[in-house]
Protein backbone atom coordinates (compact mmCIF):
# COMPACT_ATOMS: atom_id res chain seq x y z
CA MET A 1 0.00 0.00 0.00
CA SER A 2 1.29 3.43 -0.95
CA SER A 3 2.15 5.93 1.77
CA VAL A 4 1.75 8.92 -0.56
CA SER A 5 -0.70 10.14 -3.17
CA LEU A 6 -0.26 12.45 -6.13
CA ASP A 7 -2.85 13.76 -8.54
CA HIS A 8 -2.97 16.75 -10.82
CA GLU A 9 -5.41 18.89 -12.74
CA ASP A 10 -4.73 21.44 -15.45
CA LEU A 11 -6.97 24.35 -14.41
CA THR A 12 -6.05 26.30 -17.57
CA ASP A 13 -3.48 25.93 -20.33
CA ASP A 14 -0.88 27.59 -18.13
CA LEU A 15 -1.98 26.67 -14.59
CA ARG A 16 -1.56 23.22 -13.08
CA ARG A 17 -2.60 22.06 -9.61
CA ILE A 18 -0.71 19.15 -8.09
CA ARG A 19 -2.15 17.60 -4.93
CA LEU A 20 0.14 15.63 -2.67
CA GLY A 21 -1.06 13.58 0.28
CA GLY A 22 0.34 11.20 2.84
CA ARG A 23 3.95 10.92 3.95
CA LEU A 24 6.63 12.77 2.02
CA ASP A 25 9.43 10.75 3.58
CA MET A 26 12.14 8.65 1.92
CA VAL A 27 9.66 5.94 0.86
CA GLY A 28 6.89 8.34 -0.20
CA VAL A 29 9.16 10.61 -2.22
CA GLY A 30 10.74 7.57 -3.83
CA GLU A 31 7.29 6.63 -5.12
CA ILE A 32 6.41 10.04 -6.61
CA ASP A 33 9.68 11.90 -7.27
CA LEU A 34 9.95 11.39 -11.03
CA ARG A 35 6.22 11.87 -11.67
CA PHE A 36 6.09 15.00 -9.49
CA THR A 37 9.13 16.55 -11.16
CA THR A 38 7.73 15.78 -14.61
CA LEU A 39 4.34 17.31 -13.75
CA ALA A 40 5.82 20.29 -11.92
CA ALA A 41 8.68 21.29 -14.18
CA SER A 42 8.07 19.97 -17.68
CA LYS A 43 6.65 23.21 -19.16
CA PRO A 44 6.80 26.90 -18.29
CA VAL A 45 3.50 27.16 -16.46
CA ALA A 46 2.24 28.27 -13.07
CA VAL A 47 2.07 25.35 -10.65
CA LEU A 48 0.09 25.27 -7.42
CA VAL A 49 1.30 22.45 -5.17
CA ASP A 50 -1.38 21.56 -2.63
CA LEU A 51 0.23 20.14 0.51
CA SER A 52 -2.90 20.29 2.67
CA GLY A 53 -3.21 16.49 2.63
CA VAL A 54 0.41 15.81 3.59
CA SER A 55 0.72 14.08 6.98
CA PHE A 56 4.53 14.17 7.24
CA LEU A 57 7.09 16.29 5.39
CA ALA A 58 10.71 15.14 5.66
CA SER A 59 13.79 16.89 4.31
CA VAL A 60 13.78 14.60 1.25
CA GLY A 61 10.26 15.87 0.46
CA LEU A 62 11.40 19.47 0.80
CA ARG A 63 14.35 18.78 -1.48
CA CYS A 64 12.06 17.29 -4.14
CA ILE A 65 9.76 20.33 -4.04
CA ILE A 66 12.61 22.86 -4.08
CA HIS A 67 14.41 21.06 -6.92
CA SER A 68 11.23 21.09 -9.01
CA ALA A 69 10.55 24.75 -8.20
CA LYS A 70 14.04 25.73 -9.33
CA ALA A 71 13.73 23.67 -12.52
CA LEU A 72 10.36 25.27 -13.23
CA ASP A 73 11.80 28.74 -12.63
CA MET A 74 14.62 28.04 -15.10
CA LYS A 75 11.96 27.29 -17.74
CA GLY A 76 10.08 30.51 -17.03
CA GLY A 77 7.35 29.06 -14.84
CA ARG A 78 6.60 29.62 -11.17
CA MET A 79 5.37 27.62 -8.21
CA ALA A 80 3.33 28.36 -5.10
CA LEU A 81 2.60 26.07 -2.17
CA LEU A 82 -0.83 25.70 -0.59
CA VAL A 83 -0.94 24.36 2.98
CA GLY A 84 -4.57 25.09 3.86
CA ASP A 85 -5.09 24.52 7.60
CA ASN A 86 -2.28 21.95 7.83
CA ALA A 87 -0.39 23.36 10.84
CA LEU A 88 2.25 20.60 10.77
CA VAL A 89 3.31 21.32 7.20
CA GLN A 90 3.03 25.10 7.73
CA SER A 91 5.34 24.86 10.74
CA THR A 92 7.87 22.71 8.88
CA LEU A 93 7.94 25.13 5.93
CA GLU A 94 8.33 28.14 8.25
CA THR A 95 11.14 26.44 10.17
CA VAL A 96 13.21 25.85 7.04
CA GLY A 97 12.39 29.25 5.51
CA ILE A 98 11.04 27.85 2.26
CA ALA A 99 8.98 31.00 1.68
CA ASP A 100 12.25 32.70 0.67
CA ILE A 101 12.29 30.34 -2.33
CA ILE A 102 8.64 29.41 -2.95
CA PRO A 103 5.63 31.45 -1.79
CA VAL A 104 3.49 29.62 0.79
CA PHE A 105 -0.24 30.22 1.26
CA SER A 106 -2.97 28.92 3.55
CA ASP A 107 -5.69 30.35 1.28
CA GLU A 108 -6.20 28.88 -2.20
CA ALA A 109 -7.58 32.10 -3.69
CA ALA A 110 -4.51 34.02 -2.54
CA ALA A 111 -2.22 31.32 -3.91
CA LEU A 112 -3.95 31.38 -7.29
CA ASP A 113 -3.84 35.18 -7.30
CA SER A 114 -0.08 35.08 -6.69
CA LEU A 115 0.27 32.88 -9.75
CA GLY A 116 -1.83 35.30 -11.81
CA SER A 117 -4.62 32.69 -11.92
CA GLY A 118 -2.73 31.17 -14.79
CA GLY A 119 -2.27 34.38 -16.76
CA HIS A 120 1.21 35.55 -17.70
C-alpha cells in the first residue's frame, strides 16, 4: 500500500494544480519523485502544489519540491505552495524558511492570485 498520493489537474493551459497527500518521507518521495518533477517542471506554467493532505514532510520531500521549483523557474514558470489549515506542514515550511524560495499560502484564492490565476 502506498504511503503517498499524487494527482494533478490542469486548471487552464498555463496553470496546473498538483495535490500531494500522505507521507513525504524517503519511501513516499521515492514513489512520486519522477512523476512530481515531470508534472511540476516539464513546461513553463504556473504550478500550485497543494500540501494540505500531507501528513509528514521530511527533508527529502522538501528537497524534491525545491528542486522542481528551481527547474520550473529556469523554464520561465513559477510555483506556489498551498498548505490550507495543515499546521504541521506550515510549521515545517516556516522552520526551514522555504517562503524565501517558494511562496506559501494557507488560502487557495490568494495562492492562485499570486500565480496570476494562470495568466502571464
